[in-house]
């Protein structure tokens, strides 16, 4: 999407940096295999 969304060709990209949390979150509906509904989930949310 960076190519189509900017008008810059893919071969101009030298580095592609992916950002990950040390855990996982999502907002909104949809599948989320590791979702927590217990105190661990609340720990991650509040901290």
ModelCIF file with pLDDT and N, C-alpha, C, O atoms, coordinates in Angstrom:
data_MODEL
#
_entry.id   MODEL 
#
_entity.id                         1 
_entity.type                       polymer 
_entity.pdbx_number_of_molecules   1 
#
_entity_poly.entity_id                      1 
_entity_poly.type                           'polypeptide(L)' 
_entity_poly.nstd_linkage                   no 
_entity_poly.nstd_monomer                   no 
_entity_poly.pdbx_seq_one_letter_code       
;(UNK)(UNK)(UNK)(UNK)(UNK)(UNK)(UNK)(UNK)(UNK)(UNK)(UNK)(UNK)(UNK)(UNK)(UNK)(UNK)
(UNK)(UNK)(UNK)(UNK)(UNK)(UNK)(UNK)(UNK)(UNK)(UNK)(UNK)(UNK)(UNK)(UNK)(UNK)(UNK)
(UNK)(UNK)(UNK)(UNK)(UNK)(UNK)(UNK)(UNK)(UNK)(UNK)(UNK)(UNK)(UNK)(UNK)(UNK)
;
_entity_poly.pdbx_seq_one_letter_code_can   XXXXXXXXXXXXXXXXXXXXXXXXXXXXXXXXXXXXXXXXXXXXXXX 
_entity_poly.pdbx_strand_id                 A 
#
loop_
_entity_poly_seq.entity_id 
_entity_poly_seq.num 
_entity_poly_seq.mon_id 
_entity_poly_seq.hetero 
1 1  UNK n 
1 2  UNK n 
1 3  UNK n 
1 4  UNK n 
1 5  UNK n 
1 6  UNK n 
1 7  UNK n 
1 8  UNK n 
1 9  UNK n 
1 10 UNK n 
1 11 UNK n 
1 12 UNK n 
1 13 UNK n 
1 14 UNK n 
1 15 UNK n 
1 16 UNK n 
1 17 UNK n 
1 18 UNK n 
1 19 UNK n 
1 20 UNK n 
1 21 UNK n 
1 22 UNK n 
1 23 UNK n 
1 24 UNK n 
1 25 UNK n 
1 26 UNK n 
1 27 UNK n 
1 28 UNK n 
1 29 UNK n 
1 30 UNK n 
1 31 UNK n 
1 32 UNK n 
1 33 UNK n 
1 34 UNK n 
1 35 UNK n 
1 36 UNK n 
1 37 UNK n 
1 38 UNK n 
1 39 UNK n 
1 40 UNK n 
1 41 UNK n 
1 42 UNK n 
1 43 UNK n 
1 44 UNK n 
1 45 UNK n 
1 46 UNK n 
1 47 UNK n 
#
_struct_asym.id          A 
_struct_asym.entity_id   1 
#
loop_
_ma_qa_metric.id 
_ma_qa_metric.mode 
_ma_qa_metric.name 
_ma_qa_metric.software_group_id 
_ma_qa_metric.type 
1 global pLDDT . pLDDT 
2 local  pLDDT . pLDDT 
#
_ma_qa_metric_global.metric_id      1 
_ma_qa_metric_global.metric_value   95.51 
_ma_qa_metric_global.model_id       1 
_ma_qa_metric_global.ordinal_id     1 
#
loop_
_ma_qa_metric_local.label_asym_id 
_ma_qa_metric_local.label_comp_id 
_ma_qa_metric_local.label_seq_id 
_ma_qa_metric_local.metric_id 
_ma_qa_metric_local.metric_value 
_ma_qa_metric_local.model_id 
_ma_qa_metric_local.ordinal_id 
A UNK 1  2 97.00 1 1  
A UNK 2  2 97.00 1 2  
A UNK 3  2 97.00 1 3  
A UNK 4  2 97.00 1 4  
A UNK 5  2 97.00 1 5  
A UNK 6  2 98.00 1 6  
A UNK 7  2 97.00 1 7  
A UNK 8  2 97.00 1 8  
A UNK 9  2 97.00 1 9  
A UNK 10 2 96.00 1 10 
A UNK 11 2 96.00 1 11 
A UNK 12 2 96.00 1 12 
A UNK 13 2 97.00 1 13 
A UNK 14 2 94.00 1 14 
A UNK 15 2 96.00 1 15 
A UNK 16 2 97.00 1 16 
A UNK 17 2 97.00 1 17 
A UNK 18 2 97.00 1 18 
A UNK 19 2 96.00 1 19 
A UNK 20 2 97.00 1 20 
A UNK 21 2 97.00 1 21 
A UNK 22 2 97.00 1 22 
A UNK 23 2 98.00 1 23 
A UNK 24 2 97.00 1 24 
A UNK 25 2 96.00 1 25 
A UNK 26 2 92.00 1 26 
A UNK 27 2 87.00 1 27 
A UNK 28 2 82.00 1 28 
A UNK 29 2 87.00 1 29 
A UNK 30 2 93.00 1 30 
A UNK 31 2 95.00 1 31 
A UNK 32 2 97.00 1 32 
A UNK 33 2 97.00 1 33 
A UNK 34 2 98.00 1 34 
A UNK 35 2 97.00 1 35 
A UNK 36 2 97.00 1 36 
A UNK 37 2 96.00 1 37 
A UNK 38 2 95.00 1 38 
A UNK 39 2 95.00 1 39 
A UNK 40 2 96.00 1 40 
A UNK 41 2 95.00 1 41 
A UNK 42 2 95.00 1 42 
A UNK 43 2 96.00 1 43 
A UNK 44 2 96.00 1 44 
A UNK 45 2 96.00 1 45 
A UNK 46 2 94.00 1 46 
A UNK 47 2 95.00 1 47 
#
loop_
_atom_site.group_PDB 
_atom_site.id 
_atom_site.type_symbol 
_atom_site.label_atom_id 
_atom_site.label_alt_id 
_atom_site.label_comp_id 
_atom_site.label_asym_id 
_atom_site.label_entity_id 
_atom_site.label_seq_id 
_atom_site.pdbx_PDB_ins_code 
_atom_site.Cartn_x 
_atom_site.Cartn_y 
_atom_site.Cartn_z 
_atom_site.occupancy 
_atom_site.B_iso_or_equiv 
_atom_site.pdbx_formal_charge 
_atom_site.auth_seq_id 
_atom_site.auth_comp_id 
_atom_site.auth_asym_id 
_atom_site.auth_atom_id 
_atom_site.pdbx_PDB_model_num 
ATOM 1   N N  . UNK A 1 1  ? 0.803   -1.215  0.000  1.00 97.00 ? 1  UNK A N  1 
ATOM 2   C CA . UNK A 1 1  ? 0.000   0.000   0.000  1.00 97.00 ? 1  UNK A CA 1 
ATOM 3   C C  . UNK A 1 1  ? 0.836   1.265   0.000  1.00 97.00 ? 1  UNK A C  1 
ATOM 4   O O  . UNK A 1 1  ? 0.370   2.327   -0.413 1.00 97.00 ? 1  UNK A O  1 
ATOM 5   N N  . UNK A 1 2  ? 2.089   1.149   0.470  1.00 97.00 ? 2  UNK A N  1 
ATOM 6   C CA . UNK A 1 2  ? 2.974   2.314   0.469  1.00 97.00 ? 2  UNK A CA 1 
ATOM 7   C C  . UNK A 1 2  ? 3.302   2.749   -0.952 1.00 97.00 ? 2  UNK A C  1 
ATOM 8   O O  . UNK A 1 2  ? 3.481   3.940   -1.210 1.00 97.00 ? 2  UNK A O  1 
ATOM 9   N N  . UNK A 1 3  ? 3.384   1.795   -1.876 1.00 97.00 ? 3  UNK A N  1 
ATOM 10  C CA . UNK A 1 3  ? 3.670   2.118   -3.275 1.00 97.00 ? 3  UNK A CA 1 
ATOM 11  C C  . UNK A 1 3  ? 2.449   2.746   -3.950 1.00 97.00 ? 3  UNK A C  1 
ATOM 12  O O  . UNK A 1 3  ? 2.541   3.830   -4.525 1.00 97.00 ? 3  UNK A O  1 
ATOM 13  N N  . UNK A 1 4  ? 1.317   2.067   -3.877 1.00 97.00 ? 4  UNK A N  1 
ATOM 14  C CA . UNK A 1 4  ? 0.117   2.591   -4.537 1.00 97.00 ? 4  UNK A CA 1 
ATOM 15  C C  . UNK A 1 4  ? -0.390  3.861   -3.863 1.00 97.00 ? 4  UNK A C  1 
ATOM 16  O O  . UNK A 1 4  ? -0.950  4.741   -4.517 1.00 97.00 ? 4  UNK A O  1 
ATOM 17  N N  . UNK A 1 5  ? -0.190  3.949   -2.550 1.00 97.00 ? 5  UNK A N  1 
ATOM 18  C CA . UNK A 1 5  ? -0.704  5.093   -1.804 1.00 97.00 ? 5  UNK A CA 1 
ATOM 19  C C  . UNK A 1 5  ? 0.162   6.331   -1.851 1.00 97.00 ? 5  UNK A C  1 
ATOM 20  O O  . UNK A 1 5  ? -0.209  7.367   -1.299 1.00 97.00 ? 5  UNK A O  1 
ATOM 21  N N  . UNK A 1 6  ? 1.331   6.241   -2.512 1.00 98.00 ? 6  UNK A N  1 
ATOM 22  C CA . UNK A 1 6  ? 2.232   7.392   -2.551 1.00 98.00 ? 6  UNK A CA 1 
ATOM 23  C C  . UNK A 1 6  ? 2.719   7.758   -3.943 1.00 98.00 ? 6  UNK A C  1 
ATOM 24  O O  . UNK A 1 6  ? 3.221   8.863   -4.152 1.00 98.00 ? 6  UNK A O  1 
ATOM 25  N N  . UNK A 1 7  ? 2.576   6.837   -4.907 1.00 97.00 ? 7  UNK A N  1 
ATOM 26  C CA . UNK A 1 7  ? 3.118   7.088   -6.239 1.00 97.00 ? 7  UNK A CA 1 
ATOM 27  C C  . UNK A 1 7  ? 4.612   6.855   -6.337 1.00 97.00 ? 7  UNK A C  1 
ATOM 28  O O  . UNK A 1 7  ? 5.277   7.370   -7.236 1.00 97.00 ? 7  UNK A O  1 
ATOM 29  N N  . UNK A 1 8  ? 5.137   6.066   -5.395 1.00 97.00 ? 8  UNK A N  1 
ATOM 30  C CA . UNK A 1 8  ? 6.548   5.686   -5.407 1.00 97.00 ? 8  UNK A CA 1 
ATOM 31  C C  . UNK A 1 8  ? 6.632   4.182   -5.677 1.00 97.00 ? 8  UNK A C  1 
ATOM 32  O O  . UNK A 1 8  ? 5.931   3.396   -5.040 1.00 97.00 ? 8  UNK A O  1 
ATOM 33  N N  . UNK A 1 9  ? 7.483   3.787   -6.614 1.00 97.00 ? 9  UNK A N  1 
ATOM 34  C CA . UNK A 1 9  ? 7.549   2.383   -7.025 1.00 97.00 ? 9  UNK A CA 1 
ATOM 35  C C  . UNK A 1 9  ? 8.150   1.501   -5.932 1.00 97.00 ? 9  UNK A C  1 
ATOM 36  O O  . UNK A 1 9  ? 8.971   1.972   -5.145 1.00 97.00 ? 9  UNK A O  1 
ATOM 37  N N  . UNK A 1 10 ? 7.750   0.214   -5.871 1.00 96.00 ? 10 UNK A N  1 
ATOM 38  C CA . UNK A 1 10 ? 8.254   -0.689  -4.832 1.00 96.00 ? 10 UNK A CA 1 
ATOM 39  C C  . UNK A 1 10 ? 9.771   -0.816  -4.798 1.00 96.00 ? 10 UNK A C  1 
ATOM 40  O O  . UNK A 1 10 ? 10.346  -1.037  -3.732 1.00 96.00 ? 10 UNK A O  1 
ATOM 41  N N  . UNK A 1 11 ? 10.435  -0.679  -5.957 1.00 96.00 ? 11 UNK A N  1 
ATOM 42  C CA . UNK A 1 11 ? 11.893  -0.851  -5.970 1.00 96.00 ? 11 UNK A CA 1 
ATOM 43  C C  . UNK A 1 11 ? 12.644  0.350   -5.391 1.00 96.00 ? 11 UNK A C  1 
ATOM 44  O O  . UNK A 1 11 ? 13.874  0.365   -5.366 1.00 96.00 ? 11 UNK A O  1 
ATOM 45  N N  . UNK A 1 12 ? 11.887  1.369   -4.919 1.00 96.00 ? 12 UNK A N  1 
ATOM 46  C CA . UNK A 1 12 ? 12.517  2.501   -4.234 1.00 96.00 ? 12 UNK A CA 1 
ATOM 47  C C  . UNK A 1 12 ? 12.570  2.291   -2.724 1.00 96.00 ? 12 UNK A C  1 
ATOM 48  O O  . UNK A 1 12 ? 13.137  3.110   -2.001 1.00 96.00 ? 12 UNK A O  1 
ATOM 49  N N  . UNK A 1 13 ? 11.972  1.180   -2.243 1.00 97.00 ? 13 UNK A N  1 
ATOM 50  C CA . UNK A 1 13 ? 11.961  0.908   -0.806 1.00 97.00 ? 13 UNK A CA 1 
ATOM 51  C C  . UNK A 1 13 ? 13.168  0.058   -0.426 1.00 97.00 ? 13 UNK A C  1 
ATOM 52  O O  . UNK A 1 13 ? 13.336  -1.047  -0.942 1.00 97.00 ? 13 UNK A O  1 
ATOM 53  N N  . UNK A 1 14 ? 14.004  0.563   0.469  1.00 94.00 ? 14 UNK A N  1 
ATOM 54  C CA . UNK A 1 14 ? 15.200  -0.153  0.894  1.00 94.00 ? 14 UNK A CA 1 
ATOM 55  C C  . UNK A 1 14 ? 15.005  -0.933  2.184  1.00 94.00 ? 14 UNK A C  1 
ATOM 56  O O  . UNK A 1 14 ? 15.604  -1.992  2.371  1.00 94.00 ? 14 UNK A O  1 
ATOM 57  N N  . UNK A 1 15 ? 14.172  -0.413  3.070  1.00 96.00 ? 15 UNK A N  1 
ATOM 58  C CA . UNK A 1 15 ? 13.917  -1.065  4.357  1.00 96.00 ? 15 UNK A CA 1 
ATOM 59  C C  . UNK A 1 15 ? 12.425  -1.095  4.615  1.00 96.00 ? 15 UNK A C  1 
ATOM 60  O O  . UNK A 1 15 ? 11.711  -0.130  4.340  1.00 96.00 ? 15 UNK A O  1 
ATOM 61  N N  . UNK A 1 16 ? 11.968  -2.207  5.144  1.00 97.00 ? 16 UNK A N  1 
ATOM 62  C CA . UNK A 1 16 ? 10.571  -2.324  5.545  1.00 97.00 ? 16 UNK A CA 1 
ATOM 63  C C  . UNK A 1 16 ? 10.569  -2.741  7.013  1.00 97.00 ? 16 UNK A C  1 
ATOM 64  O O  . UNK A 1 16 ? 10.970  -3.852  7.362  1.00 97.00 ? 16 UNK A O  1 
ATOM 65  N N  . UNK A 1 17 ? 10.119  -1.847  7.843  1.00 97.00 ? 17 UNK A N  1 
ATOM 66  C CA . UNK A 1 17 ? 10.190  -2.026  9.292  1.00 97.00 ? 17 UNK A CA 1 
ATOM 67  C C  . UNK A 1 17 ? 8.802   -2.371  9.814  1.00 97.00 ? 17 UNK A C  1 
ATOM 68  O O  . UNK A 1 17 ? 7.864   -1.587  9.670  1.00 97.00 ? 17 UNK A O  1 
ATOM 69  N N  . UNK A 1 18 ? 8.675   -3.545  10.418 1.00 97.00 ? 18 UNK A N  1 
ATOM 70  C CA . UNK A 1 18 ? 7.414   -3.985  11.016 1.00 97.00 ? 18 UNK A CA 1 
ATOM 71  C C  . UNK A 1 18 ? 7.437   -3.708  12.510 1.00 97.00 ? 18 UNK A C  1 
ATOM 72  O O  . UNK A 1 18 ? 8.428   -3.994  13.183 1.00 97.00 ? 18 UNK A O  1 
ATOM 73  N N  . UNK A 1 19 ? 6.360   -3.157  13.026 1.00 96.00 ? 19 UNK A N  1 
ATOM 74  C CA . UNK A 1 19 ? 6.268   -2.833  14.446 1.00 96.00 ? 19 UNK A CA 1 
ATOM 75  C C  . UNK A 1 19 ? 5.390   -3.876  15.139 1.00 96.00 ? 19 UNK A C  1 
ATOM 76  O O  . UNK A 1 19 ? 4.258   -4.127  14.724 1.00 96.00 ? 19 UNK A O  1 
ATOM 77  N N  . UNK A 1 20 ? 5.928   -4.474  16.194 1.00 97.00 ? 20 UNK A N  1 
ATOM 78  C CA . UNK A 1 20 ? 5.165   -5.432  16.996 1.00 97.00 ? 20 UNK A CA 1 
ATOM 79  C C  . UNK A 1 20 ? 5.217   -5.005  18.459 1.00 97.00 ? 20 UNK A C  1 
ATOM 80  O O  . UNK A 1 20 ? 6.245   -4.527  18.938 1.00 97.00 ? 20 UNK A O  1 
ATOM 81  N N  . UNK A 1 21 ? 4.112   -5.181  19.158 1.00 97.00 ? 21 UNK A N  1 
ATOM 82  C CA . UNK A 1 21 ? 4.149   -5.079  20.606 1.00 97.00 ? 21 UNK A CA 1 
ATOM 83  C C  . UNK A 1 21 ? 4.719   -6.367  21.177 1.00 97.00 ? 21 UNK A C  1 
ATOM 84  O O  . UNK A 1 21 ? 4.710   -7.414  20.529 1.00 97.00 ? 21 UNK A O  1 
ATOM 85  N N  . UNK A 1 22 ? 5.222   -6.266  22.420 1.00 97.00 ? 22 UNK A N  1 
ATOM 86  C CA . UNK A 1 22 ? 5.715   -7.462  23.116 1.00 97.00 ? 22 UNK A CA 1 
ATOM 87  C C  . UNK A 1 22 ? 4.564   -8.381  23.512 1.00 97.00 ? 22 UNK A C  1 
ATOM 88  O O  . UNK A 1 22 ? 4.780   -9.486  24.010 1.00 97.00 ? 22 UNK A O  1 
ATOM 89  N N  . UNK A 1 23 ? 3.336   -7.911  23.282 1.00 98.00 ? 23 UNK A N  1 
ATOM 90  C CA . UNK A 1 23 ? 2.117   -8.709  23.436 1.00 98.00 ? 23 UNK A CA 1 
ATOM 91  C C  . UNK A 1 23 ? 1.227   -8.302  22.260 1.00 98.00 ? 23 UNK A C  1 
ATOM 92  O O  . UNK A 1 23 ? 1.751   -7.780  21.276 1.00 98.00 ? 23 UNK A O  1 
ATOM 93  N N  . UNK A 1 24 ? -0.072  -8.510  22.308 1.00 97.00 ? 24 UNK A N  1 
ATOM 94  C CA . UNK A 1 24 ? -0.933  -8.193  21.165 1.00 97.00 ? 24 UNK A CA 1 
ATOM 95  C C  . UNK A 1 24 ? -2.173  -7.448  21.645 1.00 97.00 ? 24 UNK A C  1 
ATOM 96  O O  . UNK A 1 24 ? -2.695  -7.728  22.724 1.00 97.00 ? 24 UNK A O  1 
ATOM 97  N N  . UNK A 1 25 ? -2.640  -6.496  20.834 1.00 96.00 ? 25 UNK A N  1 
ATOM 98  C CA . UNK A 1 25 ? -3.911  -5.831  21.113 1.00 96.00 ? 25 UNK A CA 1 
ATOM 99  C C  . UNK A 1 25 ? -4.681  -5.659  19.811 1.00 96.00 ? 25 UNK A C  1 
ATOM 100 O O  . UNK A 1 25 ? -4.106  -5.725  18.724 1.00 96.00 ? 25 UNK A O  1 
ATOM 101 N N  . UNK A 1 26 ? -5.973  -5.441  19.930 1.00 92.00 ? 26 UNK A N  1 
ATOM 102 C CA . UNK A 1 26 ? -6.772  -5.019  18.791 1.00 92.00 ? 26 UNK A CA 1 
ATOM 103 C C  . UNK A 1 26 ? -7.960  -4.217  19.283 1.00 92.00 ? 26 UNK A C  1 
ATOM 104 O O  . UNK A 1 26 ? -8.412  -4.393  20.415 1.00 92.00 ? 26 UNK A O  1 
ATOM 105 N N  . UNK A 1 27 ? -8.461  -3.344  18.441 1.00 87.00 ? 27 UNK A N  1 
ATOM 106 C CA . UNK A 1 27 ? -9.665  -2.560  18.712 1.00 87.00 ? 27 UNK A CA 1 
ATOM 107 C C  . UNK A 1 27 ? -10.711 -2.953  17.686 1.00 87.00 ? 27 UNK A C  1 
ATOM 108 O O  . UNK A 1 27 ? -10.394 -3.173  16.517 1.00 87.00 ? 27 UNK A O  1 
ATOM 109 N N  . UNK A 1 28 ? -11.953 -3.040  18.123 1.00 82.00 ? 28 UNK A N  1 
ATOM 110 C CA . UNK A 1 28 ? -13.013 -3.415  17.200 1.00 82.00 ? 28 UNK A CA 1 
ATOM 111 C C  . UNK A 1 28 ? -13.267 -4.910  17.195 1.00 82.00 ? 28 UNK A C  1 
ATOM 112 O O  . UNK A 1 28 ? -12.626 -5.672  17.919 1.00 82.00 ? 28 UNK A O  1 
ATOM 113 N N  . UNK A 1 29 ? -14.210 -5.311  16.369 1.00 87.00 ? 29 UNK A N  1 
ATOM 114 C CA . UNK A 1 29 ? -14.629 -6.706  16.319 1.00 87.00 ? 29 UNK A CA 1 
ATOM 115 C C  . UNK A 1 29 ? -13.677 -7.542  15.462 1.00 87.00 ? 29 UNK A C  1 
ATOM 116 O O  . UNK A 1 29 ? -12.787 -7.015  14.794 1.00 87.00 ? 29 UNK A O  1 
ATOM 117 N N  . UNK A 1 30 ? -13.892 -8.873  15.502 1.00 93.00 ? 30 UNK A N  1 
ATOM 118 C CA . UNK A 1 30 ? -13.112 -9.784  14.671 1.00 93.00 ? 30 UNK A CA 1 
ATOM 119 C C  . UNK A 1 30 ? -12.299 -10.773 15.485 1.00 93.00 ? 30 UNK A C  1 
ATOM 120 O O  . UNK A 1 30 ? -12.115 -10.589 16.688 1.00 93.00 ? 30 UNK A O  1 
ATOM 121 N N  . UNK A 1 31 ? -11.807 -11.832 14.828 1.00 95.00 ? 31 UNK A N  1 
ATOM 122 C CA . UNK A 1 31 ? -11.076 -12.891 15.535 1.00 95.00 ? 31 UNK A CA 1 
ATOM 123 C C  . UNK A 1 31 ? -9.778  -12.386 16.162 1.00 95.00 ? 31 UNK A C  1 
ATOM 124 O O  . UNK A 1 31 ? -9.135  -11.475 15.641 1.00 95.00 ? 31 UNK A O  1 
ATOM 125 N N  . UNK A 1 32 ? -9.408  -12.985 17.276 1.00 97.00 ? 32 UNK A N  1 
ATOM 126 C CA . UNK A 1 32 ? -8.216  -12.584 18.017 1.00 97.00 ? 32 UNK A CA 1 
ATOM 127 C C  . UNK A 1 32 ? -7.837  -13.789 18.881 1.00 97.00 ? 32 UNK A C  1 
ATOM 128 O O  . UNK A 1 32 ? -8.243  -13.859 20.040 1.00 97.00 ? 32 UNK A O  1 
ATOM 129 N N  . UNK A 1 33 ? -7.061  -14.745 18.335 1.00 97.00 ? 33 UNK A N  1 
ATOM 130 C CA . UNK A 1 33 ? -6.828  -16.023 19.023 1.00 97.00 ? 33 UNK A CA 1 
ATOM 131 C C  . UNK A 1 33 ? -6.291  -15.916 20.448 1.00 97.00 ? 33 UNK A C  1 
ATOM 132 O O  . UNK A 1 33 ? -6.723  -16.675 21.315 1.00 97.00 ? 33 UNK A O  1 
ATOM 133 N N  . UNK A 1 34 ? -5.355  -14.989 20.717 1.00 98.00 ? 34 UNK A N  1 
ATOM 134 C CA . UNK A 1 34 ? -4.731  -14.947 22.040 1.00 98.00 ? 34 UNK A CA 1 
ATOM 135 C C  . UNK A 1 34 ? -5.451  -14.012 23.012 1.00 98.00 ? 34 UNK A C  1 
ATOM 136 O O  . UNK A 1 34 ? -4.926  -13.726 24.088 1.00 98.00 ? 34 UNK A O  1 
ATOM 137 N N  . UNK A 1 35 ? -6.641  -13.534 22.652 1.00 97.00 ? 35 UNK A N  1 
ATOM 138 C CA . UNK A 1 35 ? -7.333  -12.575 23.514 1.00 97.00 ? 35 UNK A CA 1 
ATOM 139 C C  . UNK A 1 35 ? -7.542  -13.132 24.917 1.00 97.00 ? 35 UNK A C  1 
ATOM 140 O O  . UNK A 1 35 ? -7.877  -14.304 25.089 1.00 97.00 ? 35 UNK A O  1 
ATOM 141 N N  . UNK A 1 36 ? -7.341  -12.281 25.912 1.00 97.00 ? 36 UNK A N  1 
ATOM 142 C CA . UNK A 1 36 ? -7.478  -12.646 27.320 1.00 97.00 ? 36 UNK A CA 1 
ATOM 143 C C  . UNK A 1 36 ? -8.704  -11.973 27.919 1.00 97.00 ? 36 UNK A C  1 
ATOM 144 O O  . UNK A 1 36 ? -8.947  -10.787 27.697 1.00 97.00 ? 36 UNK A O  1 
ATOM 145 N N  . UNK A 1 37 ? -9.467  -12.740 28.675 1.00 96.00 ? 37 UNK A N  1 
ATOM 146 C CA . UNK A 1 37 ? -10.659 -12.211 29.338 1.00 96.00 ? 37 UNK A CA 1 
ATOM 147 C C  . UNK A 1 37 ? -10.530 -12.328 30.849 1.00 96.00 ? 37 UNK A C  1 
ATOM 148 O O  . UNK A 1 37 ? -11.537 -12.395 31.554 1.00 96.00 ? 37 UNK A O  1 
ATOM 149 N N  . UNK A 1 38 ? -9.306  -12.352 31.350 1.00 95.00 ? 38 UNK A N  1 
ATOM 150 C CA . UNK A 1 38 ? -9.060  -12.569 32.774 1.00 95.00 ? 38 UNK A CA 1 
ATOM 151 C C  . UNK A 1 38 ? -8.176  -11.458 33.327 1.00 95.00 ? 38 UNK A C  1 
ATOM 152 O O  . UNK A 1 38 ? -7.994  -10.421 32.689 1.00 95.00 ? 38 UNK A O  1 
ATOM 153 N N  . UNK A 1 39 ? -7.630  -11.683 34.517 1.00 95.00 ? 39 UNK A N  1 
ATOM 154 C CA . UNK A 1 39 ? -6.814  -10.647 35.156 1.00 95.00 ? 39 UNK A CA 1 
ATOM 155 C C  . UNK A 1 39 ? -5.530  -10.350 34.372 1.00 95.00 ? 39 UNK A C  1 
ATOM 156 O O  . UNK A 1 39 ? -4.996  -9.244  34.455 1.00 95.00 ? 39 UNK A O  1 
ATOM 157 N N  . UNK A 1 40 ? -5.033  -11.335 33.609 1.00 96.00 ? 40 UNK A N  1 
ATOM 158 C CA . UNK A 1 40 ? -3.851  -11.095 32.778 1.00 96.00 ? 40 UNK A CA 1 
ATOM 159 C C  . UNK A 1 40 ? -4.155  -10.067 31.691 1.00 96.00 ? 40 UNK A C  1 
ATOM 160 O O  . UNK A 1 40 ? -3.345  -9.184  31.410 1.00 96.00 ? 40 UNK A O  1 
ATOM 161 N N  . UNK A 1 41 ? -5.342  -10.197 31.083 1.00 95.00 ? 41 UNK A N  1 
ATOM 162 C CA . UNK A 1 41 ? -5.754  -9.231  30.078 1.00 95.00 ? 41 UNK A CA 1 
ATOM 163 C C  . UNK A 1 41 ? -5.905  -7.839  30.658 1.00 95.00 ? 41 UNK A C  1 
ATOM 164 O O  . UNK A 1 41 ? -5.515  -6.852  30.035 1.00 95.00 ? 41 UNK A O  1 
ATOM 165 N N  . UNK A 1 42 ? -6.471  -7.762  31.853 1.00 95.00 ? 42 UNK A N  1 
ATOM 166 C CA . UNK A 1 42 ? -6.642  -6.470  32.510 1.00 95.00 ? 42 UNK A CA 1 
ATOM 167 C C  . UNK A 1 42 ? -5.286  -5.885  32.917 1.00 95.00 ? 42 UNK A C  1 
ATOM 168 O O  . UNK A 1 42 ? -5.086  -4.672  32.856 1.00 95.00 ? 42 UNK A O  1 
ATOM 169 N N  . UNK A 1 43 ? -4.351  -6.760  33.335 1.00 96.00 ? 43 UNK A N  1 
ATOM 170 C CA . UNK A 1 43 ? -2.990  -6.323  33.668 1.00 96.00 ? 43 UNK A CA 1 
ATOM 171 C C  . UNK A 1 43 ? -2.344  -5.635  32.459 1.00 96.00 ? 43 UNK A C  1 
ATOM 172 O O  . UNK A 1 43 ? -1.790  -4.544  32.588 1.00 96.00 ? 43 UNK A O  1 
ATOM 173 N N  . UNK A 1 44 ? -2.417  -6.269  31.292 1.00 96.00 ? 44 UNK A N  1 
ATOM 174 C CA . UNK A 1 44 ? -1.831  -5.696  30.080 1.00 96.00 ? 44 UNK A CA 1 
ATOM 175 C C  . UNK A 1 44 ? -2.520  -4.385  29.712 1.00 96.00 ? 44 UNK A C  1 
ATOM 176 O O  . UNK A 1 44 ? -1.869  -3.423  29.304 1.00 96.00 ? 44 UNK A O  1 
ATOM 177 N N  . UNK A 1 45 ? -3.853  -4.359  29.861 1.00 96.00 ? 45 UNK A N  1 
ATOM 178 C CA . UNK A 1 45 ? -4.613  -3.171  29.486 1.00 96.00 ? 45 UNK A CA 1 
ATOM 179 C C  . UNK A 1 45 ? -4.271  -1.983  30.386 1.00 96.00 ? 45 UNK A C  1 
ATOM 180 O O  . UNK A 1 45 ? -4.022  -0.881  29.896 1.00 96.00 ? 45 UNK A O  1 
ATOM 181 N N  . UNK A 1 46 ? -4.258  -2.203  31.683 1.00 94.00 ? 46 UNK A N  1 
ATOM 182 C CA . UNK A 1 46 ? -4.037  -1.094  32.605 1.00 94.00 ? 46 UNK A CA 1 
ATOM 183 C C  . UNK A 1 46 ? -2.580  -0.663  32.623 1.00 94.00 ? 46 UNK A C  1 
ATOM 184 O O  . UNK A 1 46 ? -2.297  0.535   32.608 1.00 94.00 ? 46 UNK A O  1 
ATOM 185 N N  . UNK A 1 47 ? -1.644  -1.615  32.656 1.00 95.00 ? 47 UNK A N  1 
ATOM 186 C CA . UNK A 1 47 ? -0.230  -1.244  32.693 1.00 95.00 ? 47 UNK A CA 1 
ATOM 187 C C  . UNK A 1 47 ? 0.239   -0.661  31.356 1.00 95.00 ? 47 UNK A C  1 
ATOM 188 O O  . UNK A 1 47 ? 1.407   -0.297  31.217 1.00 95.00 ? 47 UNK A O  1 
#
